[in-house]
């Protein structure tokens, strides 16, 4: 495997995990706002 290929492979994982974390945080904020609007508990 070339150095460039290995570098790209190693750098892809932080990007993918950051996207997953961003998606989860966005969904959490959306759920918190909806629960606050409805007057219900998040748990």
N, C-alpha and C. Protein backbone atom coordinates (compact mmCIF):
# COMPACT_ATOMS: atom_id res chain seq x y z
N UNK A 1 0.85 -1.18 0.00
CA UNK A 1 0.00 0.00 0.00
C UNK A 1 0.90 1.24 0.00
N UNK A 2 0.54 2.21 -0.79
CA UNK A 2 1.35 3.43 -0.89
C UNK A 2 1.17 4.30 0.35
N UNK A 3 2.09 5.22 0.52
CA UNK A 3 2.01 6.13 1.67
C UNK A 3 0.76 6.99 1.59
N UNK A 4 0.44 7.46 0.39
CA UNK A 4 -0.75 8.28 0.22
C UNK A 4 -2.02 7.49 0.55
N UNK A 5 -2.09 6.26 0.08
CA UNK A 5 -3.26 5.42 0.36
C UNK A 5 -3.43 5.16 1.84
N UNK A 6 -2.34 4.89 2.51
CA UNK A 6 -2.39 4.65 3.95
C UNK A 6 -2.80 5.91 4.70
N UNK A 7 -2.29 7.06 4.28
CA UNK A 7 -2.65 8.33 4.91
C UNK A 7 -4.14 8.61 4.75
N UNK A 8 -4.65 8.42 3.55
CA UNK A 8 -6.08 8.65 3.31
C UNK A 8 -6.92 7.68 4.15
N UNK A 9 -6.51 6.43 4.22
CA UNK A 9 -7.24 5.43 5.01
C UNK A 9 -7.28 5.82 6.48
N UNK A 10 -6.17 6.28 7.01
CA UNK A 10 -6.11 6.65 8.42
C UNK A 10 -6.92 7.91 8.69
N UNK A 11 -6.93 8.86 7.77
CA UNK A 11 -7.63 10.12 7.99
C UNK A 11 -9.13 10.05 7.73
N UNK A 12 -9.59 9.01 7.06
CA UNK A 12 -11.02 8.88 6.79
C UNK A 12 -11.79 8.56 8.06
N UNK A 13 -11.23 7.77 8.96
CA UNK A 13 -11.95 7.35 10.15
C UNK A 13 -12.32 8.51 11.08
N UNK A 14 -11.43 9.46 11.34
CA UNK A 14 -11.87 10.60 12.17
C UNK A 14 -12.98 11.42 11.52
N UNK A 15 -12.93 11.52 10.20
CA UNK A 15 -13.99 12.27 9.50
C UNK A 15 -15.32 11.55 9.64
N UNK A 16 -15.32 10.25 9.44
CA UNK A 16 -16.57 9.49 9.56
C UNK A 16 -17.11 9.52 10.98
N UNK A 17 -16.24 9.36 11.95
CA UNK A 17 -16.72 9.38 13.34
C UNK A 17 -17.21 10.77 13.73
N UNK A 18 -16.60 11.81 13.19
CA UNK A 18 -17.08 13.17 13.45
C UNK A 18 -18.47 13.39 12.86
N UNK A 19 -18.70 12.84 11.68
CA UNK A 19 -20.03 12.96 11.07
C UNK A 19 -21.09 12.22 11.89
N UNK A 20 -20.75 11.06 12.39
CA UNK A 20 -21.69 10.31 13.23
C UNK A 20 -21.97 11.08 14.52
N UNK A 21 -20.93 11.62 15.15
CA UNK A 21 -21.12 12.39 16.37
C UNK A 21 -21.97 13.63 16.11
N UNK A 22 -21.74 14.31 15.01
CA UNK A 22 -22.54 15.48 14.66
C UNK A 22 -24.00 15.11 14.45
N UNK A 23 -24.25 13.99 13.80
CA UNK A 23 -25.62 13.52 13.59
C UNK A 23 -26.32 13.22 14.92
N UNK A 24 -25.61 12.54 15.81
CA UNK A 24 -26.20 12.21 17.12
C UNK A 24 -26.48 13.46 17.94
N UNK A 25 -25.55 14.40 17.94
CA UNK A 25 -25.75 15.64 18.70
C UNK A 25 -26.90 16.47 18.14
N UNK A 26 -27.00 16.52 16.82
CA UNK A 26 -28.10 17.25 16.18
C UNK A 26 -29.44 16.63 16.55
N UNK A 27 -29.52 15.31 16.52
CA UNK A 27 -30.77 14.63 16.89
C UNK A 27 -31.10 14.86 18.36
N UNK A 28 -30.09 14.87 19.21
CA UNK A 28 -30.32 15.11 20.64
C UNK A 28 -30.86 16.51 20.89
N UNK A 29 -30.27 17.51 20.25
CA UNK A 29 -30.75 18.88 20.40
C UNK A 29 -32.18 19.01 19.89
N UNK A 30 -32.48 18.36 18.77
CA UNK A 30 -33.84 18.38 18.23
C UNK A 30 -34.82 17.77 19.22
N UNK A 31 -34.46 16.63 19.82
CA UNK A 31 -35.33 15.97 20.79
C UNK A 31 -35.51 16.80 22.05
N UNK A 32 -34.45 17.45 22.51
CA UNK A 32 -34.55 18.31 23.70
C UNK A 32 -35.50 19.46 23.44
N UNK A 33 -35.36 20.10 22.29
CA UNK A 33 -36.25 21.23 21.96
C UNK A 33 -37.70 20.78 21.84
N UNK A 34 -37.92 19.63 21.23
CA UNK A 34 -39.29 19.12 21.08
C UNK A 34 -39.90 18.78 22.44
N UNK A 35 -39.12 18.16 23.31
CA UNK A 35 -39.63 17.81 24.65
C UNK A 35 -39.92 19.07 25.45
N UNK A 36 -39.07 20.06 25.32
CA UNK A 36 -39.30 21.31 26.05
C UNK A 36 -40.56 22.01 25.54
N UNK A 37 -40.77 21.96 24.21
CA UNK A 37 -41.94 22.58 23.62
C UNK A 37 -43.22 21.87 24.04
N UNK A 38 -43.15 20.53 24.10
CA UNK A 38 -44.32 19.73 24.48
C UNK A 38 -44.54 19.67 25.98
N UNK A 39 -43.52 20.07 26.74
CA UNK A 39 -43.64 20.04 28.20
C UNK A 39 -43.48 18.64 28.77
N UNK A 40 -42.79 17.79 28.05
CA UNK A 40 -42.57 16.44 28.54
C UNK A 40 -41.11 16.24 28.92
N UNK A 41 -40.86 15.13 29.63
CA UNK A 41 -39.49 14.81 30.04
C UNK A 41 -38.78 14.09 28.89
N UNK A 42 -37.50 14.30 28.78
CA UNK A 42 -36.73 13.65 27.74
C UNK A 42 -36.49 12.17 28.09
N UNK A 43 -36.45 11.89 29.37
CA UNK A 43 -36.18 10.51 29.81
C UNK A 43 -37.46 9.70 29.82
